C-alpha atoms as a PDB file:
ATOM      1  CA  MET A   1     120.671 116.426 104.720  1.00  0.00           C
ATOM      2  CA  ASN A   2     121.403 116.648 100.988  1.00  0.00           C
ATOM      3  CA  THR A   3     118.773 116.567  98.270  1.00  0.00           C
ATOM      4  CA  LEU A   4     119.536 112.996  97.149  1.00  0.00           C
ATOM      5  CA  ILE A   5     118.933 111.520 100.602  1.00  0.00           C
ATOM      6  CA  GLN A   6     115.795 113.615 101.023  1.00  0.00           C
ATOM      7  CA  ALA A   7     114.505 112.411  97.644  1.00  0.00           C
ATOM      8  CA  LEU A   8     115.205 108.773  98.604  1.00  0.00           C
ATOM      9  CA  LEU A   9     113.371 109.143 101.912  1.00  0.00           C
ATOM     10  CA  ILE A  10     110.412 110.884 100.270  1.00  0.00           C
ATOM     11  CA  GLY A  11     110.260 108.085  97.691  1.00  0.00           C
ATOM     12  CA  LEU A  12     110.210 105.561 100.547  1.00  0.00           C
ATOM     13  CA  ILE A  13     107.342 107.475 102.175  1.00  0.00           C
ATOM     14  CA  ALA A  14     105.359 107.118  98.929  1.00  0.00           C
ATOM     15  CA  ALA A  15     106.239 103.397  98.794  1.00  0.00           C
ATOM     16  CA  TYR A  16     105.025 103.036 102.384  1.00  0.00           C
ATOM     17  CA  GLY A  17     101.745 104.628 101.330  1.00  0.00           C
ATOM     18  CA  VAL A  18     101.328 102.014  98.587  1.00  0.00           C
ATOM     19  CA  LEU A  19     102.097  99.201 101.039  1.00  0.00           C
ATOM     20  CA  ASP A  20      99.191 100.313 103.227  1.00  0.00           C
ATOM     21  CA  TYR A  21      96.971  98.049 101.133  1.00  0.00           C
ATOM     22  CA  GLN A  22      99.202  95.093 102.024  1.00  0.00           C
ATOM     23  CA  LEU A  23      99.294  96.022 105.705  1.00  0.00           C
ATOM     24  CA  GLY A  24      95.537  95.837 106.229  1.00  0.00           C
ATOM     25  CA  THR A  25      94.307  99.109 104.677  1.00  0.00           C
ATOM     26  CA  LEU A  26      94.846 101.258 107.753  1.00  0.00           C
ATOM     27  CA  TYR A  27      94.486 104.449 105.678  1.00  0.00           C
ATOM     28  CA  THR A  28      98.075 105.439 106.407  1.00  0.00           C
ATOM     29  CA  PHE A  29      98.326 106.408 102.715  1.00  0.00           C
ATOM     30  CA  ARG A  30      96.280 109.539 103.323  1.00  0.00           C
ATOM     31  CA  PRO A  31      97.958 112.993 103.231  1.00  0.00           C
ATOM     32  CA  ILE A  32      97.234 113.586 106.913  1.00  0.00           C
ATOM     33  CA  VAL A  33      99.644 110.732 107.700  1.00  0.00           C
ATOM     34  CA  LEU A  34     102.206 111.049 104.900  1.00  0.00           C
ATOM     35  CA  GLY A  35     102.376 114.869 105.021  1.00  0.00           C
ATOM     36  CA  PRO A  36     103.926 115.026 108.508  1.00  0.00           C
ATOM     37  CA  LEU A  37     106.428 112.314 107.505  1.00  0.00           C
ATOM     38  CA  VAL A  38     107.489 114.454 104.533  1.00  0.00           C
ATOM     39  CA  GLY A  39     107.748 117.482 106.820  1.00  0.00           C
ATOM     40  CA  LEU A  40     109.920 115.467 109.210  1.00  0.00           C
ATOM     41  CA  VAL A  41     112.295 114.505 106.375  1.00  0.00           C
ATOM     42  CA  LEU A  42     112.516 118.103 105.143  1.00  0.00           C
ATOM     43  CA  GLY A  43     113.026 119.509 108.639  1.00  0.00           C
ATOM     44  CA  ASP A  44     109.674 121.291 108.991  1.00  0.00           C
ATOM     45  CA  LEU A  45     107.241 119.045 110.841  1.00  0.00           C
ATOM     46  CA  GLY A  46     104.818 121.916 111.510  1.00  0.00           C
ATOM     47  CA  ALA A  47     104.436 122.695 107.812  1.00  0.00           C
ATOM     48  CA  GLY A  48     104.034 118.980 107.081  1.00  0.00           C
ATOM     49  CA  LEU A  49     101.206 118.745 109.605  1.00  0.00           C
ATOM     50  CA  THR A  50      99.464 121.859 108.279  1.00  0.00           C
ATOM     51  CA  ILE A  51      99.780 120.970 104.594  1.00  0.00           C
ATOM     52  CA  GLY A  52      98.938 117.307 105.200  1.00  0.00           C
ATOM     53  CA  ALA A  53      95.757 118.212 107.063  1.00  0.00           C
ATOM     54  CA  SER A  54      94.737 120.686 104.341  1.00  0.00           C
ATOM     55  CA  LEU A  55      95.372 118.152 101.563  1.00  0.00           C
ATOM     56  CA  GLU A  56      93.403 115.554 103.515  1.00  0.00           C
ATOM     57  CA  LEU A  57      90.376 117.836 103.311  1.00  0.00           C
ATOM     58  CA  PHE A  58      91.181 118.541  99.664  1.00  0.00           C
ATOM     59  CA  PHE A  59      91.208 114.808  98.845  1.00  0.00           C
ATOM     60  CA  MET A  60      88.375 113.925 101.237  1.00  0.00           C
ATOM     61  CA  GLY A  61      86.134 112.638  98.443  1.00  0.00           C
ATOM     62  CA  ALA A  62      88.952 110.933  96.509  1.00  0.00           C
ATOM     63  CA  ILE A  63      87.996 107.351  97.296  1.00  0.00           C
ATOM     64  CA  SER A  64      87.318 104.429  94.995  1.00  0.00           C
ATOM     65  CA  VAL A  65      83.603 103.735  94.607  1.00  0.00           C
ATOM     66  CA  GLY A  66      82.538 101.101  92.096  1.00  0.00           C
ATOM     67  CA  ALA A  67      84.373 101.629  88.810  1.00  0.00           C
ATOM     68  CA  TYR A  68      85.532 105.138  89.746  1.00  0.00           C
ATOM     69  CA  ILE A  69      89.312 105.411  90.133  1.00  0.00           C
ATOM     70  CA  PRO A  70      90.276 108.516  92.132  1.00  0.00           C
ATOM     71  CA  PRO A  71      93.377 110.650  91.493  1.00  0.00           C
ATOM     72  CA  ASP A  72      96.589 109.314  92.993  1.00  0.00           C
ATOM     73  CA  VAL A  73      96.333 110.649  96.536  1.00  0.00           C
ATOM     74  CA  ILE A  74      99.727 109.232  97.539  1.00  0.00           C
ATOM     75  CA  ALA A  75     101.858 110.885  94.854  1.00  0.00           C
ATOM     76  CA  GLY A  76      99.766 114.056  94.826  1.00  0.00           C
ATOM     77  CA  GLY A  77      99.912 114.458  98.600  1.00  0.00           C
ATOM     78  CA  VAL A  78     103.571 113.538  99.061  1.00  0.00           C
ATOM     79  CA  LEU A  79     104.968 115.572  96.151  1.00  0.00           C
ATOM     80  CA  ALA A  80     102.751 118.606  96.747  1.00  0.00           C
ATOM     81  CA  THR A  81     103.815 118.675 100.401  1.00  0.00           C
ATOM     82  CA  ALA A  82     107.477 118.162  99.499  1.00  0.00           C
ATOM     83  CA  TYR A  83     107.483 120.881  96.850  1.00  0.00           C
ATOM     84  CA  ALA A  84     105.631 123.369  99.034  1.00  0.00           C
ATOM     85  CA  ILE A  85     108.035 122.890 101.954  1.00  0.00           C
ATOM     86  CA  SER A  86     111.254 122.753  99.925  1.00  0.00           C
ATOM     87  CA  LEU A  87     110.298 125.863  97.945  1.00  0.00           C
ATOM     88  CA  ASP A  88     109.157 127.657 101.111  1.00  0.00           C
ATOM     89  CA  LYS A  89     105.597 127.968  99.858  1.00  0.00           C
ATOM     90  CA  GLY A  90     102.387 127.602 101.829  1.00  0.00           C
ATOM     91  CA  VAL A  91      99.234 125.551 101.767  1.00  0.00           C
ATOM     92  CA  ASP A  92      97.848 127.402  98.734  1.00  0.00           C
ATOM     93  CA  ALA A  93     100.800 126.328  96.573  1.00  0.00           C
ATOM     94  CA  ALA A  94     100.499 122.737  97.776  1.00  0.00           C
ATOM     95  CA  ILE A  95      96.813 122.629  96.860  1.00  0.00           C
ATOM     96  CA  THR A  96      97.586 124.206  93.476  1.00  0.00           C
ATOM     97  CA  LEU A  97     100.073 121.418  92.718  1.00  0.00           C
ATOM     98  CA  ALA A  98      98.324 118.451  94.331  1.00  0.00           C
ATOM     99  CA  MET A  99      95.578 117.705  91.809  1.00  0.00           C
ATOM    100  CA  PRO A 100      97.646 118.058  88.601  1.00  0.00           C
ATOM    101  CA  ILE A 101     100.310 115.758  90.070  1.00  0.00           C
ATOM    102  CA  ALA A 102      97.688 113.267  91.248  1.00  0.00           C
ATOM    103  CA  LEU A 103      96.042 113.165  87.819  1.00  0.00           C
ATOM    104  CA  LEU A 104      99.362 112.728  85.978  1.00  0.00           C
ATOM    105  CA  VAL A 105     100.419 109.838  88.198  1.00  0.00           C
ATOM    106  CA  LEU A 106      96.942 108.310  87.861  1.00  0.00           C
ATOM    107  CA  ALA A 107      97.417 108.278  84.074  1.00  0.00           C
ATOM    108  CA  LEU A 108     100.752 106.491  84.543  1.00  0.00           C
ATOM    109  CA  ASP A 109      99.148 104.002  86.940  1.00  0.00           C
ATOM    110  CA  ASN A 110      96.400 103.257  84.430  1.00  0.00           C
ATOM    111  CA  PHE A 111      98.999 102.571  81.739  1.00  0.00           C
ATOM    112  CA  VAL A 112     100.967 100.232  84.022  1.00  0.00           C
ATOM    113  CA  ASN A 113      97.801  98.477  85.215  1.00  0.00           C
ATOM    114  CA  ALA A 114      96.882  97.821  81.590  1.00  0.00           C
ATOM    115  CA  LEU A 115     100.206  95.990  81.095  1.00  0.00           C
ATOM    116  CA  LEU A 116     100.616  94.129  84.384  1.00  0.00           C
ATOM    117  CA  PRO A 117      97.681  91.723  83.842  1.00  0.00           C
ATOM    118  CA  LEU A 118      99.729  90.174  81.006  1.00  0.00           C
ATOM    119  CA  ILE A 119     101.862  88.371  83.604  1.00  0.00           C
ATOM    120  CA  LEU A 120      98.819  86.899  85.348  1.00  0.00           C
ATOM    121  CA  LYS A 121      98.823  84.047  82.827  1.00  0.00           C
ATOM    122  CA  ILE A 122     101.822  82.659  84.713  1.00  0.00           C
ATOM    123  CA  ALA A 123      99.682  82.461  87.852  1.00  0.00           C
ATOM    124  CA  ASP A 124      96.868  80.819  85.866  1.00  0.00           C
ATOM    125  CA  ASN A 125      99.303  78.240  84.563  1.00  0.00           C
ATOM    126  CA  GLY A 126     100.578  77.652  88.081  1.00  0.00           C
ATOM    127  CA  ALA A 127      97.017  77.064  89.311  1.00  0.00           C
ATOM    128  CA  ALA A 128      96.382  74.618  86.457  1.00  0.00           C
ATOM    129  CA  GLU A 129      99.623  72.777  87.228  1.00  0.00           C
ATOM    130  CA  GLY A 130      98.980  72.747  90.964  1.00  0.00           C
ATOM    131  CA  ASN A 131     102.131  74.820  91.494  1.00  0.00           C
ATOM    132  CA  PRO A 132     101.510  77.403  94.271  1.00  0.00           C
ATOM    133  CA  LYS A 133     105.034  78.830  93.904  1.00  0.00           C
ATOM    134  CA  LYS A 134     104.108  80.459  90.594  1.00  0.00           C
ATOM    135  CA  ILE A 135     100.991  81.979  92.131  1.00  0.00           C
ATOM    136  CA  ARG A 136     102.957  83.409  95.074  1.00  0.00           C
ATOM    137  CA  MET A 137     105.666  84.699  92.743  1.00  0.00           C
ATOM    138  CA  ILE A 138     103.174  86.627  90.590  1.00  0.00           C
ATOM    139  CA  HIS A 139     101.356  87.890  93.671  1.00  0.00           C
ATOM    140  CA  TRP A 140     104.583  89.372  95.056  1.00  0.00           C
ATOM    141  CA  ALA A 141     105.771  90.586  91.654  1.00  0.00           C
ATOM    142  CA  TYR A 142     102.489  92.407  90.978  1.00  0.00           C
ATOM    143  CA  GLY A 143     102.624  94.238  94.299  1.00  0.00           C
ATOM    144  CA  LEU A 144     106.336  94.994  94.240  1.00  0.00           C
ATOM    145  CA  VAL A 145     106.241  96.400  90.706  1.00  0.00           C
ATOM    146  CA  GLY A 146     103.499  98.866  91.652  1.00  0.00           C
ATOM    147  CA  THR A 147     105.364  99.877  94.820  1.00  0.00           C
ATOM    148  CA  ALA A 148     108.679 100.257  92.991  1.00  0.00           C
ATOM    149  CA  ILE A 149     107.117 102.398  90.251  1.00  0.00           C
ATOM    150  CA  LYS A 150     105.588 104.760  92.818  1.00  0.00           C
ATOM    151  CA  PHE A 151     108.951 105.010  94.609  1.00  0.00           C
ATOM    152  CA  VAL A 152     110.839 105.784  91.395  1.00  0.00           C
ATOM    153  CA  VAL A 153     108.273 108.335  90.176  1.00  0.00           C
ATOM    154  CA  VAL A 154     108.193 110.273  93.447  1.00  0.00           C
ATOM    155  CA  PHE A 155     111.969 110.053  93.925  1.00  0.00           C
ATOM    156  CA  LEU A 156     112.763 111.355  90.432  1.00  0.00           C
ATOM    157  CA  ALA A 157     109.987 113.966  90.502  1.00  0.00           C
ATOM    158  CA  PHE A 158     111.376 115.493  93.698  1.00  0.00           C
ATOM    159  CA  TYR A 159     115.077 115.076  92.924  1.00  0.00           C
ATOM    160  CA  LEU A 160     114.922 116.404  89.369  1.00  0.00           C
ATOM    161  CA  GLY A 161     111.873 118.615  89.525  1.00  0.00           C
ATOM    162  CA  ALA A 162     112.364 121.047  92.407  1.00  0.00           C
ATOM    163  CA  ASP A 163     114.004 123.741  90.290  1.00  0.00           C
ATOM    164  CA  ALA A 164     111.585 123.201  87.417  1.00  0.00           C
ATOM    165  CA  MET A 165     108.649 123.363  89.820  1.00  0.00           C
ATOM    166  CA  GLN A 166     109.972 126.641  91.206  1.00  0.00           C
ATOM    167  CA  LYS A 167     109.944 128.065  87.661  1.00  0.00           C
ATOM    168  CA  VAL A 168     106.386 126.812  87.162  1.00  0.00           C
ATOM    169  CA  LEU A 169     105.247 128.440  90.401  1.00  0.00           C
ATOM    170  CA  ASP A 170     106.931 131.707  89.423  1.00  0.00           C
ATOM    171  CA  MET A 171     105.013 131.647  86.126  1.00  0.00           C
ATOM    172  CA  ILE A 172     101.638 131.206  87.835  1.00  0.00           C
ATOM    173  CA  PRO A 173     100.003 134.583  88.597  1.00  0.00           C
ATOM    174  CA  GLN A 174      99.489 135.228  92.288  1.00  0.00           C
ATOM    175  CA  VAL A 175      95.781 135.763  91.693  1.00  0.00           C
ATOM    176  CA  ILE A 176      95.457 132.130  90.551  1.00  0.00           C
ATOM    177  CA  ILE A 177      97.277 130.816  93.621  1.00  0.00           C
ATOM    178  CA  ASP A 178      95.073 132.992  95.834  1.00  0.00           C
ATOM    179  CA  GLY A 179      92.008 131.703  93.986  1.00  0.00           C
ATOM    180  CA  MET A 180      93.077 128.105  94.595  1.00  0.00           C
ATOM    181  CA  GLY A 181      93.409 128.944  98.262  1.00  0.00           C
ATOM    182  CA  VAL A 182      89.822 130.251  98.314  1.00  0.00           C
ATOM    183  CA  ALA A 183      88.612 127.206  96.385  1.00  0.00           C
ATOM    184  CA  ALA A 184      90.360 124.972  98.894  1.00  0.00           C
ATOM    185  CA  GLY A 185      88.007 126.324 101.530  1.00  0.00           C
ATOM    186  CA  LEU A 186      85.050 125.020  99.515  1.00  0.00           C
ATOM    187  CA  LEU A 187      86.529 121.666  98.517  1.00  0.00           C
ATOM    188  CA  PRO A 188      86.203 120.058 101.978  1.00  0.00           C
ATOM    189  CA  ALA A 189      82.457 120.745 101.809  1.00  0.00           C
ATOM    190  CA  MET A 190      82.366 119.081  98.390  1.00  0.00           C
ATOM    191  CA  GLY A 191      84.267 116.100  99.747  1.00  0.00           C
ATOM    192  CA  PHE A 192      81.851 115.683 102.636  1.00  0.00           C
ATOM    193  CA  ALA A 193      78.925 116.085 100.230  1.00  0.00           C
ATOM    194  CA  MET A 194      80.284 113.242  98.089  1.00  0.00           C
ATOM    195  CA  LEU A 195      80.594 111.038 101.149  1.00  0.00           C
ATOM    196  CA  MET A 196      77.122 111.973 102.358  1.00  0.00           C
ATOM    197  CA  ARG A 197      75.593 110.945  99.026  1.00  0.00           C
ATOM    198  CA  MET A 198      76.858 107.435  99.689  1.00  0.00           C
ATOM    199  CA  ILE A 199      75.923 107.036 103.340  1.00  0.00           C
ATOM    200  CA  LEU A 200      73.131 109.475 104.148  1.00  0.00           C
ATOM    201  CA  ASN A 201      69.635 108.067 104.642  1.00  0.00           C
ATOM    202  CA  LYS A 202      66.483 108.929 106.588  1.00  0.00           C
ATOM    203  CA  LYS A 203      67.797 107.330 109.775  1.00  0.00           C
ATOM    204  CA  LEU A 204      71.001 109.370 109.747  1.00  0.00           C
ATOM    205  CA  ILE A 205      69.583 112.775 108.764  1.00  0.00           C
ATOM    206  CA  PRO A 206      68.505 113.738 112.361  1.00  0.00           C
ATOM    207  CA  PHE A 207      72.025 113.064 113.645  1.00  0.00           C
ATOM    208  CA  TYR A 208      73.518 115.099 110.801  1.00  0.00           C
ATOM    209  CA  PHE A 209      71.424 118.126 111.761  1.00  0.00           C
ATOM    210  CA  LEU A 210      72.176 117.512 115.446  1.00  0.00           C
ATOM    211  CA  GLY A 211      75.899 117.844 114.690  1.00  0.00           C
ATOM    212  CA  PHE A 212      75.212 120.993 112.677  1.00  0.00           C
ATOM    213  CA  VAL A 213      73.224 122.574 115.534  1.00  0.00           C
ATOM    214  CA  LEU A 214      75.888 121.668 118.115  1.00  0.00           C
ATOM    215  CA  SER A 215      78.616 123.233 115.972  1.00  0.00           C
ATOM    216  CA  ALA A 216      76.841 126.253 114.484  1.00  0.00           C
ATOM    217  CA  TYR A 217      74.631 127.418 117.346  1.00  0.00           C
ATOM    218  CA  LEU A 218      76.301 126.023 120.485  1.00  0.00           C
ATOM    219  CA  ASN A 219      79.872 126.616 119.236  1.00  0.00           C
ATOM    220  CA  LEU A 220      80.868 123.088 120.215  1.00  0.00           C
ATOM    221  CA  PRO A 221      84.261 122.157 118.680  1.00  0.00           C
ATOM    222  CA  VAL A 222      84.611 119.206 116.306  1.00  0.00           C
ATOM    223  CA  LEU A 223      86.086 117.024 119.051  1.00  0.00           C
ATOM    224  CA  GLY A 224      83.074 117.737 121.243  1.00  0.00           C
ATOM    225  CA  VAL A 225      80.676 116.803 118.421  1.00  0.00           C
ATOM    226  CA  ALA A 226      82.646 113.593 117.881  1.00  0.00           C
ATOM    227  CA  ILE A 227      82.382 112.709 121.582  1.00  0.00           C
ATOM    228  CA  VAL A 228      78.613 113.286 121.471  1.00  0.00           C
ATOM    229  CA  GLY A 229      78.494 110.993 118.426  1.00  0.00           C
ATOM    230  CA  VAL A 230      80.388 108.248 120.281  1.00  0.00           C
ATOM    231  CA  ILE A 231      77.978 108.531 123.227  1.00  0.00           C
ATOM    232  CA  ILE A 232      74.998 108.199 120.849  1.00  0.00           C
ATOM    233  CA  VAL A 233      76.543 105.109 119.231  1.00  0.00           C
ATOM    234  CA  ILE A 234      77.162 103.494 122.643  1.00  0.00           C
ATOM    235  CA  GLU A 235      73.575 104.146 123.684  1.00  0.00           C
ATOM    236  CA  LYS A 236      72.053 103.240 120.323  1.00  0.00           C
ATOM    237  CA  PHE A 237      73.733  99.845 120.155  1.00  0.00           C
ATOM    238  CA  GLY A 238      73.528  99.137 123.890  1.00  0.00           C
ATOM    239  CA  LEU A 239      77.245  98.478 124.156  1.00  0.00           C
ATOM    240  CA  LEU A 240      77.242  98.927 127.946  1.00  0.00           C
ATOM    241  CA  GLU A 241      74.235  96.704 128.629  1.00  0.00           C
ATOM    242  CA  PRO A 242      75.047  93.245 130.036  1.00  0.00           C
ATOM    243  CA  ARG A 243      74.025  90.327 127.886  1.00  0.00           C
ATOM    244  CA  PRO A 244      71.018  88.406 129.288  1.00  0.00           C
ATOM    245  CA  ALA A 245      71.939  85.081 130.853  1.00  0.00           C
ATOM    246  CA  ALA A 246      69.348  83.241 128.770  1.00  0.00           C
ATOM    247  CA  ALA A 247      70.740  84.659 125.561  1.00  0.00           C
ATOM    248  CA  THR A 248      74.265  83.723 126.616  1.00  0.00           C
ATOM    249  CA  ALA A 249      73.176  80.196 127.492  1.00  0.00           C
ATOM    250  CA  GLY A 250      71.286  79.942 124.212  1.00  0.00           C
ATOM    251  CA  ALA A 251      74.348  81.045 122.284  1.00  0.00           C
ATOM    252  CA  GLU A 252      76.494  78.473 124.079  1.00  0.00           C
ATOM    253  CA  THR A 253      73.921  75.774 123.345  1.00  0.00           C
ATOM    254  CA  ALA A 254      73.862  76.741 119.684  1.00  0.00           C
ATOM    255  CA  GLU A 255      77.659  76.577 119.572  1.00  0.00           C
ATOM    256  CA  GLU A 256      77.557  73.112 121.137  1.00  0.00           C
ATOM    257  CA  VAL A 257      75.037  71.971 118.562  1.00  0.00           C
ATOM    258  CA  ASP A 258      77.210  73.362 115.765  1.00  0.00           C
ATOM    259  CA  ASP A 259      80.227  71.581 117.229  1.00  0.00           C
ATOM    260  CA  ASP A 260      78.259  68.330 117.384  1.00  0.00           C
ATOM    261  CA  ASP A 261      77.228  68.720 113.758  1.00  0.00           C
ATOM    262  CA  PHE A 262      80.846  68.866 112.721  1.00  0.00           C
END
């Protein structure tokens, strides 16, 4: 497979990541999903799986919370994986490249997002005129422009930048790449810490320490801890308990009353 076709397919993978928001936000834009697809295109699925999983941990805390706009996980993950595989580099090189790429593409996205709202006046005019076609047109145009830009950026960056990126990697001292690899081991903990700050409360703290004890002292693998967590959720919410007949009848009566009201 020549470089042009590979670049086109990698650009389409990035576009697919953008379309995740239009497909129901299934989180298929994350590196753990897009990385293996890149590896499949470049003929090294194993490296795609390994790098994608590592970048997923690297970007674990890169989620939008309030006004915070995270680095571009799609472009950073896809291009870092593509460069690392095509240049026959490992996870350390991918992590070294991922954040700078993600930040550069984020800056481009911010510039484009500052310009795109200018076309929203057409949708406002359509709403005032009672013309839904204008609203649909702008809705599609807004989404397609963002998707097309991500495709073009990733396509050109891979097609034109592989040799240049090789030169950049050759210029970086090995000690820095090794240091990024060590830092990558700490970043997952930082990502989980950022998530915990948002969700952790007094009710969840005992379960957090339970997972820690199971993993650290009983050597239970992550899958085993997850299964224990699922069992606790089933018991905590009573998902296996049959619904009382009176409650079911009461719910049906309430539904009948609501139907009568309307």
